[in-house]
Full PDB file with SEQRES, HELIX, SHEET, SSBOND, CRYST1, ORIGX, SCALE, CONECT and MASTER records, all heavy atoms in Angstrom:
SEQRES   1 A   31  LEU LEU GLU ASN GLU LEU ALA ASP LEU HIS GLY LYS GLU          
SEQRES   2 A   31  ALA ALA LEU LEU PHE THR SER GLY TYR VAL SER ASN TRP          
SEQRES   3 A   31  ALA ALA LEU SER THR                                          
HELIX    1 AA1 LEU A    2  LEU A    9  1                                   8    
HELIX    2 AA2 GLY A   21  SER A   30  1                                  10    
CRYST1    1.000    1.000    1.000  90.00  90.00  90.00 P 1           1          
ORIGX1      1.000000  0.000000  0.000000        0.00000                         
ORIGX2      0.000000  1.000000  0.000000        0.00000                         
ORIGX3      0.000000  0.000000  1.000000        0.00000                         
SCALE1      1.000000  0.000000  0.000000        0.00000                         
SCALE2      0.000000  1.000000  0.000000        0.00000                         
SCALE3      0.000000  0.000000  1.000000        0.00000                         
ATOM      1  N   LEU A   1      86.964 167.299 129.292  1.00  0.00           N  
ATOM      2  CA  LEU A   1      87.377 166.773 127.986  1.00  0.00           C  
ATOM      3  C   LEU A   1      86.756 165.416 127.717  1.00  0.00           C  
ATOM      4  O   LEU A   1      86.301 165.131 126.587  1.00  0.00           O  
ATOM      5  CB  LEU A   1      88.890 166.690 127.909  1.00  0.00           C  
ATOM      6  CG  LEU A   1      89.672 167.989 127.896  1.00  0.00           C  
ATOM      7  CD1 LEU A   1      91.174 167.700 127.960  1.00  0.00           C  
ATOM      8  CD2 LEU A   1      89.328 168.809 126.649  1.00  0.00           C  
ATOM      9  N   LEU A   2      86.717 164.556 128.739  1.00  0.00           N  
ATOM     10  CA  LEU A   2      86.138 163.233 128.595  1.00  0.00           C  
ATOM     11  C   LEU A   2      84.618 163.312 128.389  1.00  0.00           C  
ATOM     12  O   LEU A   2      84.077 162.605 127.529  1.00  0.00           O  
ATOM     13  CB  LEU A   2      86.466 162.375 129.808  1.00  0.00           C  
ATOM     14  CG  LEU A   2      85.827 160.968 129.855  1.00  0.00           C  
ATOM     15  CD1 LEU A   2      86.130 160.156 128.586  1.00  0.00           C  
ATOM     16  CD2 LEU A   2      86.284 160.222 131.105  1.00  0.00           C  
ATOM     17  N   GLU A   3      83.955 164.170 129.119  1.00  0.00           N  
ATOM     18  CA  GLU A   3      82.501 164.321 128.968  1.00  0.00           C  
ATOM     19  C   GLU A   3      82.169 164.796 127.564  1.00  0.00           C  
ATOM     20  O   GLU A   3      81.177 164.331 126.947  1.00  0.00           O  
ATOM     21  CB  GLU A   3      81.953 165.237 130.041  1.00  0.00           C  
ATOM     22  CG  GLU A   3      81.886 164.564 131.400  1.00  0.00           C  
ATOM     23  CD  GLU A   3      81.504 165.481 132.539  1.00  0.00           C  
ATOM     24  OE1 GLU A   3      81.574 166.721 132.365  1.00  0.00           O  
ATOM     25  OE2 GLU A   3      81.111 164.956 133.611  1.00  0.00           O  
ATOM     26  N   ASN A   4      82.968 165.699 127.036  1.00  0.00           N  
ATOM     27  CA  ASN A   4      82.730 166.135 125.641  1.00  0.00           C  
ATOM     28  C   ASN A   4      82.922 165.003 124.657  1.00  0.00           C  
ATOM     29  O   ASN A   4      82.174 164.877 123.681  1.00  0.00           O  
ATOM     30  CB  ASN A   4      83.680 167.293 125.303  1.00  0.00           C  
ATOM     31  CG  ASN A   4      83.345 168.591 126.007  1.00  0.00           C  
ATOM     32  OD1 ASN A   4      82.209 168.789 126.435  1.00  0.00           O  
ATOM     33  ND2 ASN A   4      84.313 169.470 126.171  1.00  0.00           N  
ATOM     34  N   GLU A   5      83.894 164.181 124.904  1.00  0.00           N  
ATOM     35  CA  GLU A   5      84.193 163.028 124.027  1.00  0.00           C  
ATOM     36  C   GLU A   5      83.043 162.023 124.079  1.00  0.00           C  
ATOM     37  O   GLU A   5      82.650 161.459 123.040  1.00  0.00           O  
ATOM     38  CB  GLU A   5      85.478 162.349 124.484  1.00  0.00           C  
ATOM     39  CG  GLU A   5      86.234 161.626 123.373  1.00  0.00           C  
ATOM     40  CD  GLU A   5      86.745 162.577 122.284  1.00  0.00           C  
ATOM     41  OE1 GLU A   5      87.534 163.491 122.638  1.00  0.00           O  
ATOM     42  OE2 GLU A   5      86.398 162.338 121.136  1.00  0.00           O  
ATOM     43  N   LEU A   6      82.478 161.807 125.267  1.00  0.00           N  
ATOM     44  CA  LEU A   6      81.386 160.860 125.419  1.00  0.00           C  
ATOM     45  C   LEU A   6      80.096 161.413 124.764  1.00  0.00           C  
ATOM     46  O   LEU A   6      79.372 160.663 124.145  1.00  0.00           O  
ATOM     47  CB  LEU A   6      81.135 160.592 126.887  1.00  0.00           C  
ATOM     48  CG  LEU A   6      82.200 159.750 127.598  1.00  0.00           C  
ATOM     49  CD1 LEU A   6      82.107 159.849 129.098  1.00  0.00           C  
ATOM     50  CD2 LEU A   6      82.099 158.289 127.129  1.00  0.00           C  
ATOM     51  N   ALA A   7      79.836 162.697 124.911  1.00  0.00           N  
ATOM     52  CA  ALA A   7      78.676 163.287 124.256  1.00  0.00           C  
ATOM     53  C   ALA A   7      78.781 163.126 122.761  1.00  0.00           C  
ATOM     54  O   ALA A   7      77.808 162.760 122.073  1.00  0.00           O  
ATOM     55  CB  ALA A   7      78.571 164.753 124.644  1.00  0.00           C  
ATOM     56  N   ASP A   8      79.984 163.357 122.206  1.00  0.00           N  
ATOM     57  CA  ASP A   8      80.176 163.190 120.777  1.00  0.00           C  
ATOM     58  C   ASP A   8      80.014 161.722 120.359  1.00  0.00           C  
ATOM     59  O   ASP A   8      79.437 161.429 119.302  1.00  0.00           O  
ATOM     60  CB  ASP A   8      81.591 163.672 120.405  1.00  0.00           C  
ATOM     61  CG  ASP A   8      81.931 163.397 118.978  1.00  0.00           C  
ATOM     62  OD1 ASP A   8      81.435 164.166 118.090  1.00  0.00           O  
ATOM     63  OD2 ASP A   8      82.661 162.428 118.681  1.00  0.00           O  
ATOM     64  N   LEU A   9      80.504 160.807 121.184  1.00  0.00           N  
ATOM     65  CA  LEU A   9      80.399 159.365 120.877  1.00  0.00           C  
ATOM     66  C   LEU A   9      78.956 158.968 120.628  1.00  0.00           C  
ATOM     67  O   LEU A   9      78.653 158.185 119.725  1.00  0.00           O  
ATOM     68  CB  LEU A   9      80.992 158.535 122.006  1.00  0.00           C  
ATOM     69  CG  LEU A   9      80.896 157.018 121.867  1.00  0.00           C  
ATOM     70  CD1 LEU A   9      81.710 156.516 120.707  1.00  0.00           C  
ATOM     71  CD2 LEU A   9      81.322 156.354 123.168  1.00  0.00           C  
ATOM     72  N   HIS A  10      78.050 159.512 121.436  1.00  0.00           N  
ATOM     73  CA  HIS A  10      76.647 159.115 121.344  1.00  0.00           C  
ATOM     74  C   HIS A  10      75.753 160.120 120.643  1.00  0.00           C  
ATOM     75  O   HIS A  10      74.512 159.964 120.633  1.00  0.00           O  
ATOM     76  CB  HIS A  10      76.096 158.827 122.750  1.00  0.00           C  
ATOM     77  CG  HIS A  10      76.740 157.657 123.411  1.00  0.00           C  
ATOM     78  ND1 HIS A  10      76.543 156.354 122.995  1.00  0.00           N  
ATOM     79  CD2 HIS A  10      77.620 157.570 124.463  1.00  0.00           C  
ATOM     80  CE1 HIS A  10      77.232 155.513 123.749  1.00  0.00           C  
ATOM     81  NE2 HIS A  10      77.891 156.224 124.637  1.00  0.00           N  
ATOM     82  N   GLY A  11      76.371 161.165 120.065  1.00  0.00           N  
ATOM     83  CA  GLY A  11      75.593 162.132 119.335  1.00  0.00           C  
ATOM     84  C   GLY A  11      74.640 162.937 120.219  1.00  0.00           C  
ATOM     85  O   GLY A  11      73.544 163.318 119.792  1.00  0.00           O  
ATOM     86  N   LYS A  12      75.075 163.205 121.459  1.00  0.00           N  
ATOM     87  CA  LYS A  12      74.212 163.920 122.415  1.00  0.00           C  
ATOM     88  C   LYS A  12      74.841 165.302 122.737  1.00  0.00           C  
ATOM     89  O   LYS A  12      75.988 165.563 122.455  1.00  0.00           O  
ATOM     90  CB  LYS A  12      74.072 163.104 123.711  1.00  0.00           C  
ATOM     91  CG  LYS A  12      73.412 161.758 123.525  1.00  0.00           C  
ATOM     92  CD  LYS A  12      72.025 161.873 123.003  1.00  0.00           C  
ATOM     93  CE  LYS A  12      71.331 160.518 122.926  1.00  0.00           C  
ATOM     94  NZ  LYS A  12      69.970 160.610 122.306  1.00  0.00           N  
ATOM     95  N   GLU A  13      74.033 166.149 123.355  1.00  0.00           N  
ATOM     96  CA  GLU A  13      74.474 167.473 123.713  1.00  0.00           C  
ATOM     97  C   GLU A  13      75.481 167.460 124.863  1.00  0.00           C  
ATOM     98  O   GLU A  13      76.362 168.296 124.955  1.00  0.00           O  
ATOM     99  CB  GLU A  13      73.282 168.353 124.112  1.00  0.00           C  
ATOM    100  CG  GLU A  13      72.366 168.701 122.981  1.00  0.00           C  
ATOM    101  CD  GLU A  13      71.183 169.539 123.441  1.00  0.00           C  
ATOM    102  OE1 GLU A  13      70.958 169.678 124.658  1.00  0.00           O  
ATOM    103  OE2 GLU A  13      70.457 170.027 122.561  1.00  0.00           O  
ATOM    104  N   ALA A  14      75.296 166.501 125.787  1.00  0.00           N  
ATOM    105  CA  ALA A  14      76.107 166.518 127.001  1.00  0.00           C  
ATOM    106  C   ALA A  14      76.295 165.122 127.557  1.00  0.00           C  
ATOM    107  O   ALA A  14      75.613 164.166 127.134  1.00  0.00           O  
ATOM    108  CB  ALA A  14      75.433 167.414 128.059  1.00  0.00           C  
ATOM    109  N   ALA A  15      77.250 165.018 128.490  1.00  0.00           N  
ATOM    110  CA  ALA A  15      77.507 163.767 129.198  1.00  0.00           C  
ATOM    111  C   ALA A  15      77.878 164.102 130.644  1.00  0.00           C  
ATOM    112  O   ALA A  15      78.250 165.236 130.958  1.00  0.00           O  
ATOM    113  CB  ALA A  15      78.623 162.976 128.521  1.00  0.00           C  
ATOM    114  N   LEU A  16      77.756 163.110 131.502  1.00  0.00           N  
ATOM    115  CA  LEU A  16      78.070 163.295 132.908  1.00  0.00           C  
ATOM    116  C   LEU A  16      78.773 162.044 133.414  1.00  0.00           C  
ATOM    117  O   LEU A  16      78.270 160.922 133.233  1.00  0.00           O  
ATOM    118  CB  LEU A  16      76.801 163.553 133.709  1.00  0.00           C  
ATOM    119  CG  LEU A  16      76.949 164.064 135.144  1.00  0.00           C  
ATOM    120  CD1 LEU A  16      77.545 165.480 135.141  1.00  0.00           C  
ATOM    121  CD2 LEU A  16      75.590 164.088 135.862  1.00  0.00           C  
ATOM    122  N   LEU A  17      79.906 162.258 134.088  1.00  0.00           N  
ATOM    123  CA  LEU A  17      80.722 161.133 134.584  1.00  0.00           C  
ATOM    124  C   LEU A  17      80.294 160.697 135.966  1.00  0.00           C  
ATOM    125  O   LEU A  17      79.899 161.529 136.799  1.00  0.00           O  
ATOM    126  CB  LEU A  17      82.195 161.544 134.663  1.00  0.00           C  
ATOM    127  CG  LEU A  17      83.003 161.627 133.388  1.00  0.00           C  
ATOM    128  CD1 LEU A  17      84.402 162.183 133.678  1.00  0.00           C  
ATOM    129  CD2 LEU A  17      83.125 160.226 132.741  1.00  0.00           C  
ATOM    130  N   PHE A  18      80.485 159.390 136.226  1.00  0.00           N  
ATOM    131  CA  PHE A  18      80.239 158.832 137.542  1.00  0.00           C  
ATOM    132  C   PHE A  18      81.416 157.888 137.877  1.00  0.00           C  
ATOM    133  O   PHE A  18      82.225 157.578 137.011  1.00  0.00           O  
ATOM    134  CB  PHE A  18      78.918 158.039 137.592  1.00  0.00           C  
ATOM    135  CG  PHE A  18      77.700 158.919 137.477  1.00  0.00           C  
ATOM    136  CD1 PHE A  18      77.213 159.281 136.234  1.00  0.00           C  
ATOM    137  CD2 PHE A  18      77.038 159.324 138.601  1.00  0.00           C  
ATOM    138  CE1 PHE A  18      76.069 160.066 136.127  1.00  0.00           C  
ATOM    139  CE2 PHE A  18      75.925 160.139 138.514  1.00  0.00           C  
ATOM    140  CZ  PHE A  18      75.435 160.508 137.262  1.00  0.00           C  
ATOM    141  N   THR A  19      81.458 157.450 139.084  1.00  0.00           N  
ATOM    142  CA  THR A  19      82.573 156.609 139.533  1.00  0.00           C  
ATOM    143  C   THR A  19      82.525 155.174 139.022  1.00  0.00           C  
ATOM    144  O   THR A  19      83.528 154.470 139.025  1.00  0.00           O  
ATOM    145  CB  THR A  19      82.696 156.584 141.065  1.00  0.00           C  
ATOM    146  OG1 THR A  19      81.404 156.237 141.620  1.00  0.00           O  
ATOM    147  CG2 THR A  19      83.101 157.974 141.569  1.00  0.00           C  
ATOM    148  N   SER A  20      81.353 154.710 138.572  1.00  0.00           N  
ATOM    149  CA  SER A  20      81.226 153.369 137.976  1.00  0.00           C  
ATOM    150  C   SER A  20      79.923 153.293 137.203  1.00  0.00           C  
ATOM    151  O   SER A  20      79.041 154.176 137.355  1.00  0.00           O  
ATOM    152  CB  SER A  20      81.211 152.297 139.074  1.00  0.00           C  
ATOM    153  OG  SER A  20      79.999 152.289 139.776  1.00  0.00           O  
ATOM    154  N   GLY A  21      79.791 152.283 136.385  1.00  0.00           N  
ATOM    155  CA  GLY A  21      78.526 152.066 135.667  1.00  0.00           C  
ATOM    156  C   GLY A  21      77.398 151.739 136.599  1.00  0.00           C  
ATOM    157  O   GLY A  21      76.233 152.108 136.351  1.00  0.00           O  
ATOM    158  N   TYR A  22      77.691 151.034 137.680  1.00  0.00           N  
ATOM    159  CA  TYR A  22      76.665 150.743 138.664  1.00  0.00           C  
ATOM    160  C   TYR A  22      76.120 152.063 139.262  1.00  0.00           C  
ATOM    161  O   TYR A  22      74.896 152.262 139.325  1.00  0.00           O  
ATOM    162  CB  TYR A  22      77.238 149.877 139.794  1.00  0.00           C  
ATOM    163  CG  TYR A  22      76.215 149.350 140.751  1.00  0.00           C  
ATOM    164  CD1 TYR A  22      75.758 148.041 140.680  1.00  0.00           C  
ATOM    165  CD2 TYR A  22      75.632 150.170 141.739  1.00  0.00           C  
ATOM    166  CE1 TYR A  22      74.827 147.519 141.569  1.00  0.00           C  
ATOM    167  CE2 TYR A  22      74.679 149.694 142.614  1.00  0.00           C  
ATOM    168  CZ  TYR A  22      74.277 148.380 142.534  1.00  0.00           C  
ATOM    169  OH  TYR A  22      73.319 147.875 143.404  1.00  0.00           O  
ATOM    170  N   VAL A  23      77.028 152.949 139.610  1.00  0.00           N  
ATOM    171  CA  VAL A  23      76.603 154.214 140.231  1.00  0.00           C  
ATOM    172  C   VAL A  23      75.846 155.099 139.245  1.00  0.00           C  
ATOM    173  O   VAL A  23      74.877 155.762 139.599  1.00  0.00           O  
ATOM    174  CB  VAL A  23      77.823 154.967 140.797  1.00  0.00           C  
ATOM    175  CG1 VAL A  23      77.423 156.345 141.284  1.00  0.00           C  
ATOM    176  CG2 VAL A  23      78.439 154.155 141.932  1.00  0.00           C  
ATOM    177  N   SER A  24      76.275 155.087 137.972  1.00  0.00           N  
ATOM    178  CA  SER A  24      75.593 155.921 136.995  1.00  0.00           C  
ATOM    179  C   SER A  24      74.152 155.482 136.800  1.00  0.00           C  
ATOM    180  O   SER A  24      73.217 156.319 136.724  1.00  0.00           O  
ATOM    181  CB  SER A  24      76.346 156.001 135.681  1.00  0.00           C  
ATOM    182  OG  SER A  24      76.603 154.716 135.169  1.00  0.00           O  
ATOM    183  N   ASN A  25      73.903 154.186 136.754  1.00  0.00           N  
ATOM    184  CA  ASN A  25      72.546 153.645 136.673  1.00  0.00           C  
ATOM    185  C   ASN A  25      71.756 153.970 137.915  1.00  0.00           C  
ATOM    186  O   ASN A  25      70.610 154.474 137.841  1.00  0.00           O  
ATOM    187  CB  ASN A  25      72.549 152.157 136.429  1.00  0.00           C  
ATOM    188  CG  ASN A  25      72.490 151.779 134.965  1.00  0.00           C  
ATOM    189  OD1 ASN A  25      71.926 152.542 134.129  1.00  0.00           O  
ATOM    190  ND2 ASN A  25      72.989 150.601 134.607  1.00  0.00           N  
ATOM    191  N   TRP A  26      72.335 153.647 139.054  1.00  0.00           N  
ATOM    192  CA  TRP A  26      71.640 153.842 140.320  1.00  0.00           C  
ATOM    193  C   TRP A  26      71.282 155.334 140.509  1.00  0.00           C  
ATOM    194  O   TRP A  26      70.157 155.666 140.887  1.00  0.00           O  
ATOM    195  CB  TRP A  26      72.540 153.363 141.460  1.00  0.00           C  
ATOM    196  CG  TRP A  26      71.959 153.566 142.800  1.00  0.00           C  
ATOM    197  CD1 TRP A  26      71.108 152.737 143.472  1.00  0.00           C  
ATOM    198  CD2 TRP A  26      72.138 154.695 143.679  1.00  0.00           C  
ATOM    199  NE1 TRP A  26      70.777 153.263 144.722  1.00  0.00           N  
ATOM    200  CE2 TRP A  26      71.400 154.486 144.855  1.00  0.00           C  
ATOM    201  CE3 TRP A  26      72.913 155.879 143.575  1.00  0.00           C  
ATOM    202  CZ2 TRP A  26      71.375 155.384 145.920  1.00  0.00           C  
ATOM    203  CZ3 TRP A  26      72.865 156.786 144.621  1.00  0.00           C  
ATOM    204  CH2 TRP A  26      72.112 156.533 145.768  1.00  0.00           C  
ATOM    205  N   ALA A  27      72.262 156.206 140.289  1.00  0.00           N  
ATOM    206  CA  ALA A  27      72.046 157.625 140.520  1.00  0.00           C  
ATOM    207  C   ALA A  27      71.054 158.223 139.527  1.00  0.00           C  
ATOM    208  O   ALA A  27      70.144 159.002 139.925  1.00  0.00           O  
ATOM    209  CB  ALA A  27      73.372 158.385 140.445  1.00  0.00           C  
ATOM    210  N   ALA A  28      71.185 157.898 138.277  1.00  0.00           N  
ATOM    211  CA  ALA A  28      70.303 158.506 137.259  1.00  0.00           C  
ATOM    212  C   ALA A  28      68.865 158.022 137.414  1.00  0.00           C  
ATOM    213  O   ALA A  28      67.933 158.845 137.400  1.00  0.00           O  
ATOM    214  CB  ALA A  28      70.836 158.177 135.839  1.00  0.00           C  
ATOM    215  N   LEU A  29      68.682 156.740 137.575  1.00  0.00           N  
ATOM    216  CA  LEU A  29      67.282 156.227 137.649  1.00  0.00           C  
ATOM    217  C   LEU A  29      66.616 156.638 138.971  1.00  0.00           C  
ATOM    218  O   LEU A  29      65.433 156.943 138.980  1.00  0.00           O  
ATOM    219  CB  LEU A  29      67.293 154.692 137.507  1.00  0.00           C  
ATOM    220  CG  LEU A  29      67.437 154.205 136.056  1.00  0.00           C  
ATOM    221  CD1 LEU A  29      67.745 152.722 136.008  1.00  0.00           C  
ATOM    222  CD2 LEU A  29      66.155 154.503 135.255  1.00  0.00           C  
ATOM    223  N   SER A  30      67.401 156.605 140.058  1.00  0.00           N  
ATOM    224  CA  SER A  30      66.788 157.019 141.342  1.00  0.00           C  
ATOM    225  C   SER A  30      66.417 158.507 141.309  1.00  0.00           C  
ATOM    226  O   SER A  30      65.371 158.894 141.870  1.00  0.00           O  
ATOM    227  CB  SER A  30      67.736 156.702 142.498  1.00  0.00           C  
ATOM    228  OG  SER A  30      68.920 157.469 142.426  1.00  0.00           O  
ATOM    229  N   THR A  31      67.228 159.304 140.648  1.00  0.00           N  
ATOM    230  CA  THR A  31      66.926 160.742 140.595  1.00  0.00           C  
ATOM    231  C   THR A  31      65.733 161.020 139.674  1.00  0.00           C  
ATOM    232  O   THR A  31      64.822 161.768 140.038  1.00  0.00           O  
ATOM    233  CB  THR A  31      68.151 161.499 140.073  1.00  0.00           C  
ATOM    234  OG1 THR A  31      69.257 161.274 140.950  1.00  0.00           O  
ATOM    235  CG2 THR A  31      67.872 162.999 139.997  1.00  0.00           C  
TER     236      THR A  31                                                      
MASTER        0    0    0    2    0    0    0    6  235    1    0    3          
END                                                                             
């Protein structure tokens, strides 16, 4: 439900949750 809400917030198709903003940056850019 939260990922759908976040996708809608930014006008995107999808969203993905992480445990912190630090981790989301680290994980996404490293991948």
